[in-house]
């Protein structure tokens, strides 16, 4: 194996060095984006663009939206798409953190 291939492989496996985190929630997304753009695919793409606005030491998490379940409207508030979620996803790495089974705090180093 060539040195260039080895260097590329080692760069691909380098784990980001996070010091803090932010969560871009489905609810937050809906407040900022028109109803016509509220789909799981649009949400994931929006979060990917938003991560570029954050510094590299910030873990950017988004809700793992499984399914949009319908509309919820309250007089005086904008309508919202309700959604089933299952934890968070690190937008930079794609790692899934299911609710109650693992913690993104461990990857940041908060438990040290």
C-alpha atoms as a PDB file:
ATOM      1  CA  UNK A   1       0.000   0.000   0.000  1.00  0.00           C
ATOM      2  CA  UNK A   2       1.310   3.428  -0.892  1.00  0.00           C
ATOM      3  CA  UNK A   3       2.015   6.135   1.653  1.00  0.00           C
ATOM      4  CA  UNK A   4      -0.602   8.394   0.045  1.00  0.00           C
ATOM      5  CA  UNK A   5      -3.297   5.725   0.439  1.00  0.00           C
ATOM      6  CA  UNK A   6      -2.297   5.125   4.067  1.00  0.00           C
ATOM      7  CA  UNK A   7      -2.394   8.862   4.828  1.00  0.00           C
ATOM      8  CA  UNK A   8      -5.824   9.192   3.232  1.00  0.00           C
ATOM      9  CA  UNK A   9      -7.181   6.227   5.207  1.00  0.00           C
ATOM     10  CA  UNK A  10      -5.839   7.599   8.501  1.00  0.00           C
ATOM     11  CA  UNK A  11      -7.362  11.023   7.801  1.00  0.00           C
ATOM     12  CA  UNK A  12     -10.750   9.410   7.125  1.00  0.00           C
ATOM     13  CA  UNK A  13     -10.719   7.688  10.530  1.00  0.00           C
ATOM     14  CA  UNK A  14      -9.673  10.771  12.523  1.00  0.00           C
ATOM     15  CA  UNK A  15     -12.325  11.494  15.135  1.00  0.00           C
ATOM     16  CA  UNK A  16     -13.358  15.148  15.496  1.00  0.00           C
ATOM     17  CA  UNK A  17     -12.106  16.865  18.633  1.00  0.00           C
ATOM     18  CA  UNK A  18     -15.237  18.361  20.163  1.00  0.00           C
ATOM     19  CA  UNK A  19     -15.320  20.645  23.197  1.00  0.00           C
ATOM     20  CA  UNK A  20     -19.023  21.517  23.193  1.00  0.00           C
ATOM     21  CA  UNK A  21     -22.224  20.858  21.281  1.00  0.00           C
ATOM     22  CA  UNK A  22     -25.343  22.450  19.842  1.00  0.00           C
ATOM     23  CA  UNK A  23     -28.633  20.812  18.878  1.00  0.00           C
ATOM     24  CA  UNK A  24     -30.614  21.949  15.845  1.00  0.00           C
ATOM     25  CA  UNK A  25     -34.053  20.592  16.656  1.00  0.00           C
ATOM     26  CA  UNK A  26     -36.930  19.748  14.340  1.00  0.00           C
ATOM     27  CA  UNK A  27     -38.988  22.355  16.242  1.00  0.00           C
ATOM     28  CA  UNK A  28     -36.342  25.052  15.682  1.00  0.00           C
ATOM     29  CA  UNK A  29     -36.167  24.188  11.980  1.00  0.00           C
ATOM     30  CA  UNK A  30     -39.937  24.593  11.611  1.00  0.00           C
ATOM     31  CA  UNK A  31     -39.871  28.057  13.158  1.00  0.00           C
ATOM     32  CA  UNK A  32     -37.361  29.260  10.551  1.00  0.00           C
ATOM     33  CA  UNK A  33     -38.408  27.441   7.361  1.00  0.00           C
ATOM     34  CA  UNK A  34     -41.624  27.767   5.312  1.00  0.00           C
ATOM     35  CA  UNK A  35     -44.187  24.980   5.683  1.00  0.00           C
ATOM     36  CA  UNK A  36     -43.653  23.968   2.036  1.00  0.00           C
ATOM     37  CA  UNK A  37     -40.013  23.009   2.820  1.00  0.00           C
ATOM     38  CA  UNK A  38     -40.746  20.965   5.927  1.00  0.00           C
ATOM     39  CA  UNK A  39     -39.693  17.450   5.037  1.00  0.00           C
ATOM     40  CA  UNK A  40     -37.151  15.098   6.563  1.00  0.00           C
ATOM     41  CA  UNK A  41     -34.874  15.475   3.542  1.00  0.00           C
ATOM     42  CA  UNK A  42     -35.007  19.290   3.642  1.00  0.00           C
ATOM     43  CA  UNK A  43     -34.366  19.253   7.403  1.00  0.00           C
ATOM     44  CA  UNK A  44     -31.277  17.043   7.067  1.00  0.00           C
ATOM     45  CA  UNK A  45     -29.876  19.180   4.239  1.00  0.00           C
ATOM     46  CA  UNK A  46     -30.589  22.371   6.221  1.00  0.00           C
ATOM     47  CA  UNK A  47     -28.702  20.962   9.231  1.00  0.00           C
ATOM     48  CA  UNK A  48     -25.751  20.053   7.001  1.00  0.00           C
ATOM     49  CA  UNK A  49     -25.581  23.647   5.783  1.00  0.00           C
ATOM     50  CA  UNK A  50     -25.943  24.975   9.332  1.00  0.00           C
ATOM     51  CA  UNK A  51     -22.976  22.897  10.556  1.00  0.00           C
ATOM     52  CA  UNK A  52     -20.715  24.883   8.233  1.00  0.00           C
ATOM     53  CA  UNK A  53     -21.629  27.996  10.228  1.00  0.00           C
ATOM     54  CA  UNK A  54     -20.273  26.436  13.454  1.00  0.00           C
ATOM     55  CA  UNK A  55     -16.653  26.077  14.503  1.00  0.00           C
ATOM     56  CA  UNK A  56     -15.102  22.612  14.098  1.00  0.00           C
ATOM     57  CA  UNK A  57     -14.847  22.012  17.867  1.00  0.00           C
ATOM     58  CA  UNK A  58     -18.667  22.242  18.153  1.00  0.00           C
ATOM     59  CA  UNK A  59     -20.555  18.953  17.795  1.00  0.00           C
ATOM     60  CA  UNK A  60     -23.640  19.771  15.719  1.00  0.00           C
ATOM     61  CA  UNK A  61     -26.544  17.461  16.514  1.00  0.00           C
ATOM     62  CA  UNK A  62     -29.916  17.179  14.821  1.00  0.00           C
ATOM     63  CA  UNK A  63     -33.015  15.235  15.779  1.00  0.00           C
ATOM     64  CA  UNK A  64     -33.166  11.793  14.184  1.00  0.00           C
ATOM     65  CA  UNK A  65     -36.578  12.278  12.560  1.00  0.00           C
ATOM     66  CA  UNK A  66     -38.159   8.925  11.762  1.00  0.00           C
ATOM     67  CA  UNK A  67     -41.563  10.021  10.474  1.00  0.00           C
ATOM     68  CA  UNK A  68     -43.651  13.168  10.136  1.00  0.00           C
ATOM     69  CA  UNK A  69     -46.922  12.335  11.866  1.00  0.00           C
ATOM     70  CA  UNK A  70     -49.207  15.278  11.009  1.00  0.00           C
ATOM     71  CA  UNK A  71     -50.015  18.867  11.748  1.00  0.00           C
ATOM     72  CA  UNK A  72     -50.548  20.562  15.095  1.00  0.00           C
ATOM     73  CA  UNK A  73     -52.196  23.974  15.039  1.00  0.00           C
ATOM     74  CA  UNK A  74     -52.973  26.279  17.952  1.00  0.00           C
ATOM     75  CA  UNK A  75     -54.696  29.632  17.478  1.00  0.00           C
ATOM     76  CA  UNK A  76     -52.119  32.404  17.635  1.00  0.00           C
ATOM     77  CA  UNK A  77     -49.145  30.110  16.869  1.00  0.00           C
ATOM     78  CA  UNK A  78     -47.773  28.856  13.545  1.00  0.00           C
ATOM     79  CA  UNK A  79     -48.780  25.326  12.543  1.00  0.00           C
ATOM     80  CA  UNK A  80     -46.164  22.658  13.178  1.00  0.00           C
ATOM     81  CA  UNK A  81     -45.466  19.265  11.684  1.00  0.00           C
ATOM     82  CA  UNK A  82     -45.357  16.727  14.486  1.00  0.00           C
ATOM     83  CA  UNK A  83     -42.649  14.084  14.113  1.00  0.00           C
ATOM     84  CA  UNK A  84     -41.460  10.869  15.686  1.00  0.00           C
ATOM     85  CA  UNK A  85     -37.786  11.081  16.623  1.00  0.00           C
ATOM     86  CA  UNK A  86     -35.243   8.599  17.926  1.00  0.00           C
ATOM     87  CA  UNK A  87     -32.344  10.444  19.490  1.00  0.00           C
ATOM     88  CA  UNK A  88     -29.806  12.669  17.799  1.00  0.00           C
ATOM     89  CA  UNK A  89     -27.371  12.431  14.884  1.00  0.00           C
ATOM     90  CA  UNK A  90     -23.954  14.110  14.736  1.00  0.00           C
ATOM     91  CA  UNK A  91     -24.269  16.078  11.496  1.00  0.00           C
ATOM     92  CA  UNK A  92     -20.492  15.978  10.850  1.00  0.00           C
ATOM     93  CA  UNK A  93     -19.931  12.239  11.345  1.00  0.00           C
ATOM     94  CA  UNK A  94     -23.400  10.710  10.980  1.00  0.00           C
ATOM     95  CA  UNK A  95     -23.134   8.928  14.332  1.00  0.00           C
ATOM     96  CA  UNK A  96     -26.536   8.168  15.846  1.00  0.00           C
ATOM     97  CA  UNK A  97     -27.159   8.680  19.571  1.00  0.00           C
ATOM     98  CA  UNK A  98     -30.466   6.926  20.457  1.00  0.00           C
ATOM     99  CA  UNK A  99     -32.383   8.226  23.449  1.00  0.00           C
ATOM    100  CA  UNK A 100     -31.307   6.528  26.676  1.00  0.00           C
ATOM    101  CA  UNK A 101     -28.759   4.126  25.174  1.00  0.00           C
ATOM    102  CA  UNK A 102     -25.615   6.185  24.634  1.00  0.00           C
ATOM    103  CA  UNK A 103     -24.473   9.699  25.260  1.00  0.00           C
ATOM    104  CA  UNK A 104     -22.869  12.230  22.974  1.00  0.00           C
ATOM    105  CA  UNK A 105     -21.342  13.670  26.172  1.00  0.00           C
ATOM    106  CA  UNK A 106     -18.912  10.749  26.180  1.00  0.00           C
ATOM    107  CA  UNK A 107     -17.613  11.719  22.713  1.00  0.00           C
ATOM    108  CA  UNK A 108     -17.114  15.312  23.847  1.00  0.00           C
ATOM    109  CA  UNK A 109     -15.279  14.212  26.970  1.00  0.00           C
ATOM    110  CA  UNK A 110     -17.682  15.667  29.536  1.00  0.00           C
ATOM    111  CA  UNK A 111     -17.483  12.519  31.686  1.00  0.00           C
ATOM    112  CA  UNK A 112     -13.688  12.625  32.153  1.00  0.00           C
END
